[in-house]
Amino acid sequence: MAFTYTTSGAAVRKAGKNVNTTISVSGAALDDWSDQSEGSIDVQSERLFLANYGSLNSAVKQELDNVTSSMIAMNLIGYDLPAYPGSSGRTLLDINDDIINRGLRALDKFKSNTLQKPI
């Protein structure tokens, strides 16, 4: 299940330049956070996106990528928050939290595997 919705590189980029280099290359930690994030999205949205990921359109896949990478980035930032100067770590956490909340609201409203085309 790990890294179906996003890539580790996307999560590391969202964690910023001060991300701890040890944890950012830890396959085990990143895999765990990816699994947790993907499961959380499916549970919170009450949609089994993972079960039919291949049939989803690109817009939905991009939203899943955006939310999942932000969830993982928050774990990366939190792993070594003191490494971020001033309030930059807190700012990155806030930015990623906003991305997650907006994305989960959109995914929660998603009722089918396709988006409707405008009339």
N, C-alpha and C. Protein backbone atom coordinates (compact mmCIF):
# COMPACT_ATOMS: atom_id res chain seq x y z
N MET A 1 0.81 -1.19 0.00
CA MET A 1 0.00 0.00 0.00
C MET A 1 0.86 1.26 0.00
N ALA A 2 2.04 1.20 0.52
CA ALA A 2 2.88 2.40 0.67
C ALA A 2 3.10 3.10 -0.67
N PHE A 3 2.90 4.39 -0.65
CA PHE A 3 3.16 5.29 -1.76
C PHE A 3 2.36 4.97 -3.02
N THR A 4 1.08 4.70 -2.82
CA THR A 4 0.17 4.61 -3.96
C THR A 4 -0.29 6.00 -4.35
N TYR A 5 -0.60 6.85 -3.36
CA TYR A 5 -1.17 8.17 -3.62
C TYR A 5 -0.12 9.24 -3.89
N THR A 6 1.09 9.07 -3.44
CA THR A 6 2.11 10.10 -3.58
C THR A 6 3.49 9.48 -3.66
N THR A 7 4.51 10.30 -3.66
CA THR A 7 5.89 9.83 -3.64
C THR A 7 6.59 10.39 -2.41
N SER A 8 7.65 9.74 -2.01
CA SER A 8 8.41 10.25 -0.86
C SER A 8 9.02 11.61 -1.21
N GLY A 9 9.42 11.80 -2.44
CA GLY A 9 10.00 13.08 -2.86
C GLY A 9 9.03 14.23 -2.69
N ALA A 10 7.76 14.01 -3.00
CA ALA A 10 6.75 15.07 -2.84
C ALA A 10 6.62 15.44 -1.37
N ALA A 11 6.63 14.46 -0.49
CA ALA A 11 6.50 14.72 0.95
C ALA A 11 7.73 15.45 1.48
N VAL A 12 8.90 15.03 1.07
CA VAL A 12 10.14 15.66 1.54
C VAL A 12 10.20 17.12 1.07
N ARG A 13 9.79 17.39 -0.17
CA ARG A 13 9.76 18.77 -0.67
C ARG A 13 8.84 19.64 0.18
N LYS A 14 7.69 19.13 0.56
CA LYS A 14 6.76 19.90 1.37
C LYS A 14 7.25 20.11 2.80
N ALA A 15 8.20 19.28 3.24
CA ALA A 15 8.76 19.43 4.58
C ALA A 15 9.79 20.55 4.63
N GLY A 16 10.23 21.02 3.49
CA GLY A 16 11.13 22.16 3.44
C GLY A 16 12.61 21.80 3.52
N LYS A 17 13.43 22.82 3.37
CA LYS A 17 14.88 22.60 3.27
C LYS A 17 15.53 22.21 4.59
N ASN A 18 14.84 22.40 5.70
CA ASN A 18 15.43 22.06 6.99
C ASN A 18 15.02 20.69 7.51
N VAL A 19 14.41 19.89 6.65
CA VAL A 19 13.98 18.55 7.06
C VAL A 19 15.20 17.73 7.50
N ASN A 20 15.02 16.94 8.54
CA ASN A 20 16.09 16.09 9.05
C ASN A 20 16.48 15.09 7.97
N THR A 21 17.75 15.08 7.60
CA THR A 21 18.19 14.23 6.49
C THR A 21 18.17 12.75 6.83
N THR A 22 18.29 12.41 8.09
CA THR A 22 18.25 11.00 8.47
C THR A 22 16.84 10.43 8.26
N ILE A 23 15.84 11.14 8.76
CA ILE A 23 14.47 10.63 8.65
C ILE A 23 13.94 10.75 7.23
N SER A 24 14.41 11.73 6.48
CA SER A 24 13.88 11.94 5.12
C SER A 24 14.31 10.85 4.15
N VAL A 25 15.28 10.03 4.54
CA VAL A 25 15.69 8.90 3.69
C VAL A 25 15.42 7.56 4.35
N SER A 26 14.69 7.58 5.46
CA SER A 26 14.35 6.35 6.17
C SER A 26 13.16 5.69 5.49
N GLY A 27 13.43 4.67 4.73
CA GLY A 27 12.36 3.98 4.01
C GLY A 27 11.28 3.45 4.92
N ALA A 28 11.67 2.90 6.07
CA ALA A 28 10.69 2.31 6.98
C ALA A 28 9.74 3.37 7.54
N ALA A 29 10.29 4.48 8.00
CA ALA A 29 9.45 5.54 8.56
C ALA A 29 8.54 6.13 7.49
N LEU A 30 9.08 6.41 6.32
CA LEU A 30 8.29 6.99 5.24
C LEU A 30 7.19 6.04 4.79
N ASP A 31 7.51 4.74 4.69
CA ASP A 31 6.49 3.75 4.33
C ASP A 31 5.37 3.72 5.36
N ASP A 32 5.73 3.72 6.65
CA ASP A 32 4.71 3.72 7.71
C ASP A 32 3.82 4.95 7.60
N TRP A 33 4.43 6.13 7.46
CA TRP A 33 3.64 7.36 7.36
C TRP A 33 2.78 7.37 6.11
N SER A 34 3.27 6.80 5.03
CA SER A 34 2.47 6.72 3.81
C SER A 34 1.26 5.82 4.03
N ASP A 35 1.47 4.65 4.60
CA ASP A 35 0.36 3.73 4.89
C ASP A 35 -0.67 4.38 5.81
N GLN A 36 -0.18 5.04 6.86
CA GLN A 36 -1.09 5.70 7.81
C GLN A 36 -1.89 6.80 7.12
N SER A 37 -1.24 7.58 6.29
CA SER A 37 -1.90 8.69 5.60
C SER A 37 -2.95 8.19 4.62
N GLU A 38 -2.59 7.19 3.82
CA GLU A 38 -3.53 6.65 2.84
C GLU A 38 -4.73 6.03 3.54
N GLY A 39 -4.49 5.30 4.62
CA GLY A 39 -5.60 4.73 5.38
C GLY A 39 -6.47 5.79 6.00
N SER A 40 -5.85 6.83 6.53
CA SER A 40 -6.59 7.93 7.14
C SER A 40 -7.49 8.63 6.13
N ILE A 41 -6.99 8.85 4.94
CA ILE A 41 -7.80 9.49 3.89
C ILE A 41 -9.01 8.63 3.56
N ASP A 42 -8.81 7.34 3.37
CA ASP A 42 -9.92 6.46 3.04
C ASP A 42 -10.95 6.42 4.17
N VAL A 43 -10.50 6.36 5.42
CA VAL A 43 -11.41 6.31 6.56
C VAL A 43 -12.15 7.63 6.72
N GLN A 44 -11.42 8.74 6.70
CA GLN A 44 -12.06 10.04 6.92
C GLN A 44 -13.04 10.42 5.81
N SER A 45 -12.73 10.03 4.59
CA SER A 45 -13.61 10.36 3.46
C SER A 45 -14.69 9.31 3.27
N GLU A 46 -14.56 8.19 3.94
CA GLU A 46 -15.47 7.05 3.78
C GLU A 46 -15.54 6.59 2.33
N ARG A 47 -14.39 6.65 1.67
CA ARG A 47 -14.26 6.20 0.28
C ARG A 47 -13.05 5.28 0.19
N LEU A 48 -13.18 4.20 -0.53
CA LEU A 48 -12.05 3.29 -0.71
C LEU A 48 -11.30 3.66 -1.99
N PHE A 49 -10.65 4.81 -1.95
CA PHE A 49 -9.89 5.26 -3.11
C PHE A 49 -8.81 4.26 -3.48
N LEU A 50 -8.21 3.64 -2.48
CA LEU A 50 -7.12 2.70 -2.74
C LEU A 50 -7.60 1.49 -3.53
N ALA A 51 -8.82 1.04 -3.26
CA ALA A 51 -9.35 -0.16 -3.92
C ALA A 51 -9.57 0.05 -5.41
N ASN A 52 -9.83 1.28 -5.82
CA ASN A 52 -10.07 1.52 -7.25
C ASN A 52 -9.21 2.66 -7.78
N TYR A 53 -8.01 2.78 -7.24
CA TYR A 53 -7.13 3.89 -7.59
C TYR A 53 -6.88 3.98 -9.10
N GLY A 54 -6.69 2.85 -9.73
CA GLY A 54 -6.38 2.85 -11.16
C GLY A 54 -7.47 3.45 -12.03
N SER A 55 -8.70 3.41 -11.56
CA SER A 55 -9.81 3.93 -12.38
C SER A 55 -10.14 5.39 -12.08
N LEU A 56 -9.45 5.99 -11.12
CA LEU A 56 -9.72 7.39 -10.78
C LEU A 56 -9.14 8.32 -11.85
N ASN A 57 -9.79 9.45 -12.06
CA ASN A 57 -9.24 10.40 -13.03
C ASN A 57 -8.08 11.17 -12.42
N SER A 58 -7.36 11.87 -13.26
CA SER A 58 -6.13 12.53 -12.82
C SER A 58 -6.37 13.62 -11.79
N ALA A 59 -7.49 14.31 -11.83
CA ALA A 59 -7.76 15.38 -10.86
C ALA A 59 -7.90 14.80 -9.45
N VAL A 60 -8.58 13.68 -9.33
CA VAL A 60 -8.74 13.04 -8.02
C VAL A 60 -7.40 12.50 -7.54
N LYS A 61 -6.64 11.91 -8.44
CA LYS A 61 -5.31 11.40 -8.07
C LYS A 61 -4.41 12.54 -7.59
N GLN A 62 -4.50 13.70 -8.23
CA GLN A 62 -3.69 14.85 -7.81
C GLN A 62 -4.10 15.32 -6.42
N GLU A 63 -5.38 15.30 -6.11
CA GLU A 63 -5.84 15.70 -4.78
C GLU A 63 -5.37 14.70 -3.73
N LEU A 64 -5.42 13.42 -4.05
CA LEU A 64 -4.91 12.39 -3.13
C LEU A 64 -3.42 12.58 -2.90
N ASP A 65 -2.69 12.89 -3.95
CA ASP A 65 -1.25 13.15 -3.85
C ASP A 65 -0.99 14.34 -2.94
N ASN A 66 -1.72 15.41 -3.16
CA ASN A 66 -1.53 16.64 -2.40
C ASN A 66 -1.79 16.42 -0.91
N VAL A 67 -2.89 15.76 -0.58
CA VAL A 67 -3.23 15.52 0.83
C VAL A 67 -2.24 14.56 1.48
N THR A 68 -1.95 13.46 0.80
CA THR A 68 -1.05 12.44 1.37
C THR A 68 0.34 13.01 1.59
N SER A 69 0.88 13.72 0.62
CA SER A 69 2.23 14.26 0.77
C SER A 69 2.28 15.29 1.91
N SER A 70 1.22 16.05 2.10
CA SER A 70 1.18 17.00 3.22
C SER A 70 1.11 16.29 4.56
N MET A 71 0.36 15.20 4.63
CA MET A 71 0.29 14.42 5.88
C MET A 71 1.67 13.87 6.25
N ILE A 72 2.36 13.33 5.27
CA ILE A 72 3.70 12.78 5.52
C ILE A 72 4.67 13.90 5.87
N ALA A 73 4.56 15.03 5.17
CA ALA A 73 5.44 16.17 5.45
C ALA A 73 5.29 16.64 6.89
N MET A 74 4.09 16.64 7.41
CA MET A 74 3.89 17.07 8.79
C MET A 74 4.63 16.15 9.76
N ASN A 75 4.65 14.86 9.48
CA ASN A 75 5.43 13.93 10.30
C ASN A 75 6.92 14.21 10.19
N LEU A 76 7.37 14.49 8.97
CA LEU A 76 8.79 14.80 8.77
C LEU A 76 9.19 16.06 9.53
N ILE A 77 8.37 17.08 9.46
CA ILE A 77 8.66 18.34 10.16
C ILE A 77 8.65 18.11 11.66
N GLY A 78 7.63 17.42 12.14
CA GLY A 78 7.50 17.18 13.57
C GLY A 78 8.60 16.31 14.16
N TYR A 79 9.23 15.51 13.31
CA TYR A 79 10.30 14.64 13.77
C TYR A 79 11.45 15.44 14.38
N ASP A 80 11.73 16.61 13.80
CA ASP A 80 12.84 17.45 14.30
C ASP A 80 12.47 18.92 14.13
N LEU A 81 11.40 19.34 14.78
CA LEU A 81 10.92 20.71 14.66
C LEU A 81 11.97 21.75 15.05
N PRO A 82 12.83 21.50 16.06
CA PRO A 82 13.84 22.49 16.40
C PRO A 82 14.86 22.78 15.29
N ALA A 83 14.93 21.92 14.27
CA ALA A 83 15.85 22.15 13.15
C ALA A 83 15.40 23.32 12.27
N TYR A 84 14.14 23.73 12.43
CA TYR A 84 13.60 24.81 11.62
C TYR A 84 13.79 26.13 12.37
N PRO A 85 14.43 27.10 11.74
CA PRO A 85 14.69 28.38 12.43
C PRO A 85 13.42 29.18 12.67
N GLY A 86 13.39 29.89 13.77
CA GLY A 86 12.27 30.77 14.08
C GLY A 86 10.95 30.02 14.05
N SER A 87 10.00 30.60 13.35
CA SER A 87 8.68 29.99 13.27
C SER A 87 8.46 29.28 11.93
N SER A 88 9.53 29.04 11.18
CA SER A 88 9.37 28.46 9.84
C SER A 88 8.78 27.05 9.89
N GLY A 89 9.16 26.26 10.89
CA GLY A 89 8.59 24.92 11.02
C GLY A 89 7.10 24.97 11.29
N ARG A 90 6.71 25.86 12.19
CA ARG A 90 5.28 26.03 12.52
C ARG A 90 4.51 26.51 11.29
N THR A 91 5.11 27.40 10.52
CA THR A 91 4.46 27.90 9.30
C THR A 91 4.25 26.76 8.30
N LEU A 92 5.27 25.93 8.12
CA LEU A 92 5.13 24.78 7.21
C LEU A 92 4.06 23.81 7.70
N LEU A 93 3.99 23.60 9.01
CA LEU A 93 2.94 22.75 9.56
C LEU A 93 1.56 23.34 9.26
N ASP A 94 1.42 24.65 9.43
CA ASP A 94 0.14 25.32 9.16
C ASP A 94 -0.25 25.21 7.68
N ILE A 95 0.72 25.43 6.80
CA ILE A 95 0.45 25.34 5.36
C ILE A 95 -0.01 23.93 4.99
N ASN A 96 0.71 22.93 5.47
CA ASN A 96 0.34 21.55 5.17
C ASN A 96 -0.99 21.17 5.78
N ASP A 97 -1.28 21.67 6.98
CA ASP A 97 -2.56 21.40 7.62
C ASP A 97 -3.71 21.99 6.80
N ASP A 98 -3.52 23.18 6.26
CA ASP A 98 -4.55 23.80 5.40
C ASP A 98 -4.78 22.96 4.15
N ILE A 99 -3.70 22.49 3.54
CA ILE A 99 -3.82 21.64 2.34
C ILE A 99 -4.60 20.37 2.67
N ILE A 100 -4.29 19.76 3.80
CA ILE A 100 -4.97 18.53 4.21
C ILE A 100 -6.45 18.78 4.43
N ASN A 101 -6.78 19.82 5.19
CA ASN A 101 -8.19 20.09 5.50
C ASN A 101 -9.02 20.40 4.26
N ARG A 102 -8.47 21.22 3.37
CA ARG A 102 -9.19 21.54 2.13
C ARG A 102 -9.36 20.29 1.27
N GLY A 103 -8.30 19.51 1.17
CA GLY A 103 -8.35 18.30 0.35
C GLY A 103 -9.31 17.26 0.89
N LEU A 104 -9.30 17.06 2.22
CA LEU A 104 -10.23 16.09 2.80
C LEU A 104 -11.68 16.52 2.62
N ARG A 105 -11.94 17.81 2.71
CA ARG A 105 -13.32 18.29 2.46
C ARG A 105 -13.74 17.98 1.03
N ALA A 106 -12.84 18.19 0.08
CA ALA A 106 -13.15 17.90 -1.32
C ALA A 106 -13.34 16.41 -1.54
N LEU A 107 -12.46 15.60 -0.98
CA LEU A 107 -12.55 14.15 -1.15
C LEU A 107 -13.79 13.58 -0.46
N ASP A 108 -14.18 14.19 0.64
CA ASP A 108 -15.37 13.73 1.37
C ASP A 108 -16.63 13.94 0.54
N LYS A 109 -16.65 14.98 -0.27
CA LYS A 109 -17.81 15.28 -1.11
C LYS A 109 -17.83 14.45 -2.38
N PHE A 110 -16.73 13.82 -2.69
CA PHE A 110 -16.59 13.06 -3.93
C PHE A 110 -17.46 11.81 -3.84
N LYS A 111 -18.41 11.65 -4.74
CA LYS A 111 -19.38 10.57 -4.65
C LYS A 111 -19.21 9.47 -5.70
N SER A 112 -18.33 9.66 -6.65
CA SER A 112 -18.17 8.64 -7.70
C SER A 112 -16.72 8.65 -8.17
N ASN A 113 -16.43 7.82 -9.11
CA ASN A 113 -15.06 7.73 -9.63
C ASN A 113 -14.80 8.73 -10.75
N THR A 114 -15.79 9.54 -11.07
CA THR A 114 -15.58 10.51 -12.13
C THR A 114 -16.07 11.89 -11.68
N LEU A 115 -15.45 12.91 -12.19
CA LEU A 115 -15.91 14.27 -11.96
C LEU A 115 -16.86 14.65 -13.09
N GLN A 116 -17.87 15.43 -12.76
CA GLN A 116 -18.82 15.84 -13.79
C GLN A 116 -18.24 16.93 -14.65
N LYS A 117 -18.53 16.86 -15.93
CA LYS A 117 -18.10 17.90 -16.85
C LYS A 117 -19.10 19.04 -16.78
N PRO A 118 -18.63 20.29 -16.90
CA PRO A 118 -19.57 21.40 -16.87
C PRO A 118 -20.55 21.33 -18.03
N ILE A 119 -21.74 21.83 -17.78
CA ILE A 119 -22.79 21.78 -18.82
C ILE A 119 -22.58 22.90 -19.80
